[in-house]
């Protein structure tokens, strides 16, 4: 068994959430969905994921 540090990526826009949660580019950093609007992201992969999302025109806020 192993513990990992994760970040919750909350995405209230259903279309954007579906694109992120199903696109192969964002796997495995987003490896578990929490309901219909949140994903768990491996903290070690967060920087790379932010860069991919920025490339797609999506910015990640540090707070809600």
PDB file of N, CA and C in Angstrom:
ATOM      1  N   UNK A   1       0.833  -1.145   0.000  1.00  0.00           N
ATOM      2  CA  UNK A   1       0.000   0.000   0.000  1.00  0.00           C
ATOM      3  C   UNK A   1       0.893   1.228   0.000  1.00  0.00           C
ATOM      4  N   UNK A   2       0.432   2.271  -0.646  1.00  0.00           N
ATOM      5  CA  UNK A   2       1.224   3.494  -0.750  1.00  0.00           C
ATOM      6  C   UNK A   2       0.306   4.705  -0.726  1.00  0.00           C
ATOM      7  N   UNK A   3       0.724   5.743  -0.039  1.00  0.00           N
ATOM      8  CA  UNK A   3      -0.008   7.009  -0.028  1.00  0.00           C
ATOM      9  C   UNK A   3       0.616   7.938  -1.055  1.00  0.00           C
ATOM     10  N   UNK A   4      -0.215   8.748  -1.683  1.00  0.00           N
ATOM     11  CA  UNK A   4       0.287   9.717  -2.651  1.00  0.00           C
ATOM     12  C   UNK A   4      -0.315  11.071  -2.342  1.00  0.00           C
ATOM     13  N   UNK A   5       0.441  12.109  -2.618  1.00  0.00           N
ATOM     14  CA  UNK A   5      -0.076  13.465  -2.461  1.00  0.00           C
ATOM     15  C   UNK A   5      -0.815  13.828  -3.741  1.00  0.00           C
ATOM     16  N   UNK A   6      -2.044  14.270  -3.578  1.00  0.00           N
ATOM     17  CA  UNK A   6      -2.858  14.618  -4.733  1.00  0.00           C
ATOM     18  C   UNK A   6      -3.464  16.002  -4.555  1.00  0.00           C
ATOM     19  N   UNK A   7      -3.892  16.556  -5.669  1.00  0.00           N
ATOM     20  CA  UNK A   7      -4.571  17.837  -5.709  1.00  0.00           C
ATOM     21  C   UNK A   7      -5.925  17.592  -6.347  1.00  0.00           C
ATOM     22  N   UNK A   8      -6.959  18.254  -5.842  1.00  0.00           N
ATOM     23  CA  UNK A   8      -8.281  18.147  -6.445  1.00  0.00           C
ATOM     24  C   UNK A   8      -8.401  19.233  -7.513  1.00  0.00           C
ATOM     25  N   UNK A   9      -8.680  18.810  -8.734  1.00  0.00           N
ATOM     26  CA  UNK A   9      -8.910  19.738  -9.842  1.00  0.00           C
ATOM     27  C   UNK A   9     -10.421  19.836 -10.019  1.00  0.00           C
ATOM     28  N   UNK A  10     -10.986  20.972  -9.647  1.00  0.00           N
ATOM     29  CA  UNK A  10     -12.426  21.180  -9.731  1.00  0.00           C
ATOM     30  C   UNK A  10     -12.741  21.925 -11.014  1.00  0.00           C
ATOM     31  N   UNK A  11     -13.664  21.420 -11.774  1.00  0.00           N
ATOM     32  CA  UNK A  11     -14.013  22.003 -13.066  1.00  0.00           C
ATOM     33  C   UNK A  11     -15.536  22.046 -13.189  1.00  0.00           C
ATOM     34  N   UNK A  12     -16.160  23.202 -12.898  1.00  0.00           N
ATOM     35  CA  UNK A  12     -17.621  23.296 -12.921  1.00  0.00           C
ATOM     36  C   UNK A  12     -18.234  23.272 -14.317  1.00  0.00           C
ATOM     37  N   UNK A  13     -17.442  23.498 -15.358  1.00  0.00           N
ATOM     38  CA  UNK A  13     -17.953  23.482 -16.731  1.00  0.00           C
ATOM     39  C   UNK A  13     -17.953  22.025 -17.221  1.00  0.00           C
ATOM     40  N   UNK A  14     -19.155  21.478 -17.454  1.00  0.00           N
ATOM     41  CA  UNK A  14     -19.301  20.062 -17.802  1.00  0.00           C
ATOM     42  C   UNK A  14     -18.575  19.684 -19.092  1.00  0.00           C
ATOM     43  N   UNK A  15     -18.583  20.553 -20.080  1.00  0.00           N
ATOM     44  CA  UNK A  15     -17.920  20.258 -21.360  1.00  0.00           C
ATOM     45  C   UNK A  15     -16.405  20.184 -21.167  1.00  0.00           C
ATOM     46  N   UNK A  16     -15.855  21.141 -20.437  1.00  0.00           N
ATOM     47  CA  UNK A  16     -14.413  21.159 -20.184  1.00  0.00           C
ATOM     48  C   UNK A  16     -14.025  19.967 -19.318  1.00  0.00           C
ATOM     49  N   UNK A  17     -14.836  19.671 -18.297  1.00  0.00           N
ATOM     50  CA  UNK A  17     -14.553  18.523 -17.428  1.00  0.00           C
ATOM     51  C   UNK A  17     -14.489  17.235 -18.232  1.00  0.00           C
ATOM     52  N   UNK A  18     -15.458  17.025 -19.105  1.00  0.00           N
ATOM     53  CA  UNK A  18     -15.477  15.806 -19.907  1.00  0.00           C
ATOM     54  C   UNK A  18     -14.244  15.727 -20.807  1.00  0.00           C
ATOM     55  N   UNK A  19     -13.866  16.862 -21.409  1.00  0.00           N
ATOM     56  CA  UNK A  19     -12.688  16.881 -22.284  1.00  0.00           C
ATOM     57  C   UNK A  19     -11.419  16.510 -21.513  1.00  0.00           C
ATOM     58  N   UNK A  20     -11.276  17.061 -20.318  1.00  0.00           N
ATOM     59  CA  UNK A  20     -10.085  16.771 -19.512  1.00  0.00           C
ATOM     60  C   UNK A  20     -10.100  15.329 -19.012  1.00  0.00           C
ATOM     61  N   UNK A  21     -11.242  14.877 -18.539  1.00  0.00           N
ATOM     62  CA  UNK A  21     -11.299  13.550 -17.921  1.00  0.00           C
ATOM     63  C   UNK A  21     -11.245  12.405 -18.926  1.00  0.00           C
ATOM     64  N   UNK A  22     -11.517  12.659 -20.189  1.00  0.00           N
ATOM     65  CA  UNK A  22     -11.502  11.580 -21.180  1.00  0.00           C
ATOM     66  C   UNK A  22     -10.362  11.649 -22.176  1.00  0.00           C
ATOM     67  N   UNK A  23      -9.653  12.756 -22.239  1.00  0.00           N
ATOM     68  CA  UNK A  23      -8.582  12.899 -23.227  1.00  0.00           C
ATOM     69  C   UNK A  23      -7.319  12.172 -22.774  1.00  0.00           C
ATOM     70  N   UNK A  24      -6.753  11.392 -23.638  1.00  0.00           N
ATOM     71  CA  UNK A  24      -5.557  10.599 -23.320  1.00  0.00           C
ATOM     72  C   UNK A  24      -4.371  11.469 -22.933  1.00  0.00           C
ATOM     73  N   UNK A  25      -4.289  12.678 -23.469  1.00  0.00           N
ATOM     74  CA  UNK A  25      -3.179  13.582 -23.152  1.00  0.00           C
ATOM     75  C   UNK A  25      -3.089  13.853 -21.654  1.00  0.00           C
ATOM     76  N   UNK A  26      -4.228  13.891 -20.993  1.00  0.00           N
ATOM     77  CA  UNK A  26      -4.248  14.236 -19.576  1.00  0.00           C
ATOM     78  C   UNK A  26      -4.192  13.015 -18.665  1.00  0.00           C
ATOM     79  N   UNK A  27      -3.933  11.854 -19.210  1.00  0.00           N
ATOM     80  CA  UNK A  27      -3.804  10.633 -18.418  1.00  0.00           C
ATOM     81  C   UNK A  27      -2.321  10.277 -18.341  1.00  0.00           C
ATOM     82  N   UNK A  28      -1.748   9.842 -17.270  1.00  0.00           N
ATOM     83  CA  UNK A  28      -2.350   9.509 -16.000  1.00  0.00           C
ATOM     84  C   UNK A  28      -2.424  10.626 -14.977  1.00  0.00           C
ATOM     85  N   UNK A  29      -1.977  11.875 -15.230  1.00  0.00           N
ATOM     86  CA  UNK A  29      -2.073  12.854 -14.141  1.00  0.00           C
ATOM     87  C   UNK A  29      -3.470  12.961 -13.534  1.00  0.00           C
ATOM     88  N   UNK A  30      -4.497  12.877 -14.351  1.00  0.00           N
ATOM     89  CA  UNK A  30      -5.869  12.906 -13.846  1.00  0.00           C
ATOM     90  C   UNK A  30      -6.354  11.468 -13.814  1.00  0.00           C
ATOM     91  N   UNK A  31      -6.104  10.789 -12.712  1.00  0.00           N
ATOM     92  CA  UNK A  31      -6.367   9.361 -12.738  1.00  0.00           C
ATOM     93  C   UNK A  31      -7.585   8.905 -11.949  1.00  0.00           C
ATOM     94  N   UNK A  32      -8.365   9.817 -11.419  1.00  0.00           N
ATOM     95  CA  UNK A  32      -9.564   9.404 -10.713  1.00  0.00           C
ATOM     96  C   UNK A  32     -10.565  10.546 -10.701  1.00  0.00           C
ATOM     97  N   UNK A  33     -11.763  10.279 -11.138  1.00  0.00           N
ATOM     98  CA  UNK A  33     -12.799  11.304 -11.090  1.00  0.00           C
ATOM     99  C   UNK A  33     -13.520  11.240  -9.752  1.00  0.00           C
ATOM    100  N   UNK A  34     -13.862  12.408  -9.259  1.00  0.00           N
ATOM    101  CA  UNK A  34     -14.643  12.531  -8.022  1.00  0.00           C
ATOM    102  C   UNK A  34     -15.962  13.197  -8.392  1.00  0.00           C
ATOM    103  N   UNK A  35     -16.957  12.408  -8.631  1.00  0.00           N
ATOM    104  CA  UNK A  35     -18.239  12.965  -9.044  1.00  0.00           C
ATOM    105  C   UNK A  35     -18.188  13.449 -10.480  1.00  0.00           C
ATOM    106  N   UNK A  36     -18.993  14.456 -10.759  1.00  0.00           N
ATOM    107  CA  UNK A  36     -19.109  14.932 -12.137  1.00  0.00           C
ATOM    108  C   UNK A  36     -18.363  16.229 -12.408  1.00  0.00           C
ATOM    109  N   UNK A  37     -17.568  16.693 -11.434  1.00  0.00           N
ATOM    110  CA  UNK A  37     -16.883  17.965 -11.661  1.00  0.00           C
ATOM    111  C   UNK A  37     -15.509  18.073 -11.008  1.00  0.00           C
ATOM    112  N   UNK A  38     -14.936  16.962 -10.556  1.00  0.00           N
ATOM    113  CA  UNK A  38     -13.633  17.032  -9.901  1.00  0.00           C
ATOM    114  C   UNK A  38     -12.787  15.799 -10.233  1.00  0.00           C
ATOM    115  N   UNK A  39     -11.490  16.037 -10.298  1.00  0.00           N
ATOM    116  CA  UNK A  39     -10.513  14.982 -10.589  1.00  0.00           C
ATOM    117  C   UNK A  39      -9.409  15.021  -9.542  1.00  0.00           C
ATOM    118  N   UNK A  40      -8.833  13.868  -9.248  1.00  0.00           N
ATOM    119  CA  UNK A  40      -7.626  13.826  -8.431  1.00  0.00           C
ATOM    120  C   UNK A  40      -6.430  13.859  -9.362  1.00  0.00           C
ATOM    121  N   UNK A  41      -5.477  14.711  -9.036  1.00  0.00           N
ATOM    122  CA  UNK A  41      -4.276  14.858  -9.855  1.00  0.00           C
ATOM    123  C   UNK A  41      -3.071  14.575  -8.974  1.00  0.00           C
ATOM    124  N   UNK A  42      -2.190  13.710  -9.440  1.00  0.00           N
ATOM    125  CA  UNK A  42      -0.942  13.429  -8.737  1.00  0.00           C
ATOM    126  C   UNK A  42      -0.167  14.743  -8.626  1.00  0.00           C
ATOM    127  N   UNK A  43       0.194  15.106  -7.399  1.00  0.00           N
ATOM    128  CA  UNK A  43       0.868  16.389  -7.169  1.00  0.00           C
ATOM    129  C   UNK A  43       2.160  16.511  -7.980  1.00  0.00           C
ATOM    130  N   UNK A  44       2.854  15.404  -8.206  1.00  0.00           N
ATOM    131  CA  UNK A  44       4.090  15.432  -8.980  1.00  0.00           C
ATOM    132  C   UNK A  44       3.824  15.729 -10.457  1.00  0.00           C
ATOM    133  N   UNK A  45       2.602  15.494 -10.922  1.00  0.00           N
ATOM    134  CA  UNK A  45       2.240  15.729 -12.316  1.00  0.00           C
ATOM    135  C   UNK A  45       1.534  17.073 -12.529  1.00  0.00           C
ATOM    136  N   UNK A  46       1.311  17.817 -11.447  1.00  0.00           N
ATOM    137  CA  UNK A  46       0.518  19.034 -11.529  1.00  0.00           C
ATOM    138  C   UNK A  46       1.117  20.087 -12.467  1.00  0.00           C
ATOM    139  N   UNK A  47       2.412  20.312 -12.390  1.00  0.00           N
ATOM    140  CA  UNK A  47       3.049  21.321 -13.244  1.00  0.00           C
ATOM    141  C   UNK A  47       2.864  20.975 -14.722  1.00  0.00           C
ATOM    142  N   UNK A  48       3.092  19.724 -15.082  1.00  0.00           N
ATOM    143  CA  UNK A  48       2.934  19.297 -16.477  1.00  0.00           C
ATOM    144  C   UNK A  48       1.478  19.430 -16.926  1.00  0.00           C
ATOM    145  N   UNK A  49       0.549  19.085 -16.043  1.00  0.00           N
ATOM    146  CA  UNK A  49      -0.865  19.206 -16.389  1.00  0.00           C
ATOM    147  C   UNK A  49      -1.249  20.671 -16.603  1.00  0.00           C
ATOM    148  N   UNK A  50      -0.770  21.548 -15.736  1.00  0.00           N
ATOM    149  CA  UNK A  50      -1.053  22.982 -15.892  1.00  0.00           C
ATOM    150  C   UNK A  50      -0.537  23.484 -17.243  1.00  0.00           C
ATOM    151  N   UNK A  51       0.639  23.020 -17.647  1.00  0.00           N
ATOM    152  CA  UNK A  51       1.199  23.432 -18.932  1.00  0.00           C
ATOM    153  C   UNK A  51       0.334  22.936 -20.084  1.00  0.00           C
ATOM    154  N   UNK A  52      -0.133  21.699 -20.011  1.00  0.00           N
ATOM    155  CA  UNK A  52      -1.006  21.149 -21.053  1.00  0.00           C
ATOM    156  C   UNK A  52      -2.321  21.926 -21.124  1.00  0.00           C
ATOM    157  N   UNK A  53      -2.886  22.226 -19.963  1.00  0.00           N
ATOM    158  CA  UNK A  53      -4.141  22.972 -19.938  1.00  0.00           C
ATOM    159  C   UNK A  53      -3.945  24.393 -20.461  1.00  0.00           C
ATOM    160  N   UNK A  54      -2.829  25.020 -20.110  1.00  0.00           N
ATOM    161  CA  UNK A  54      -2.538  26.366 -20.612  1.00  0.00           C
ATOM    162  C   UNK A  54      -2.399  26.346 -22.130  1.00  0.00           C
ATOM    163  N   UNK A  55      -1.760  25.303 -22.660  1.00  0.00           N
ATOM    164  CA  UNK A  55      -1.623  25.163 -24.107  1.00  0.00           C
ATOM    165  C   UNK A  55      -3.008  25.105 -24.761  1.00  0.00           C
ATOM    166  N   UNK A  56      -3.959  24.460 -24.070  1.00  0.00           N
ATOM    167  CA  UNK A  56      -5.321  24.338 -24.589  1.00  0.00           C
ATOM    168  C   UNK A  56      -6.164  25.585 -24.308  1.00  0.00           C
ATOM    169  N   UNK A  57      -5.549  26.598 -23.685  1.00  0.00           N
ATOM    170  CA  UNK A  57      -6.267  27.837 -23.400  1.00  0.00           C
ATOM    171  C   UNK A  57      -7.008  27.833 -22.076  1.00  0.00           C
ATOM    172  N   UNK A  58      -6.697  26.878 -21.199  1.00  0.00           N
ATOM    173  CA  UNK A  58      -7.365  26.781 -19.910  1.00  0.00           C
ATOM    174  C   UNK A  58      -6.359  27.094 -18.803  1.00  0.00           C
ATOM    175  N   UNK A  59      -6.717  28.005 -17.928  1.00  0.00           N
ATOM    176  CA  UNK A  59      -5.843  28.367 -16.832  1.00  0.00           C
ATOM    177  C   UNK A  59      -6.355  27.755 -15.539  1.00  0.00           C
ATOM    178  N   UNK A  60      -5.445  27.309 -14.689  1.00  0.00           N
ATOM    179  CA  UNK A  60      -5.797  26.692 -13.427  1.00  0.00           C
ATOM    180  C   UNK A  60      -5.601  27.708 -12.317  1.00  0.00           C
ATOM    181  N   UNK A  61      -6.662  27.954 -11.560  1.00  0.00           N
ATOM    182  CA  UNK A  61      -6.601  28.867 -10.418  1.00  0.00           C
ATOM    183  C   UNK A  61      -6.147  28.079  -9.195  1.00  0.00           C
ATOM    184  N   UNK A  62      -5.440  28.738  -8.306  1.00  0.00           N
ATOM    185  CA  UNK A  62      -4.981  28.080  -7.093  1.00  0.00           C
ATOM    186  C   UNK A  62      -6.062  28.018  -6.027  1.00  0.00           C
ATOM    187  N   UNK A  63      -7.162  28.706  -6.237  1.00  0.00           N
ATOM    188  CA  UNK A  63      -8.242  28.710  -5.248  1.00  0.00           C
ATOM    189  C   UNK A  63      -9.589  28.761  -5.952  1.00  0.00           C
ATOM    190  N   UNK A  64     -10.647  28.499  -5.233  1.00  0.00           N
ATOM    191  CA  UNK A  64     -11.994  28.551  -5.799  1.00  0.00           C
ATOM    192  C   UNK A  64     -12.473  29.967  -5.721  1.00  0.00           C
TER     193      UNK A  64
END
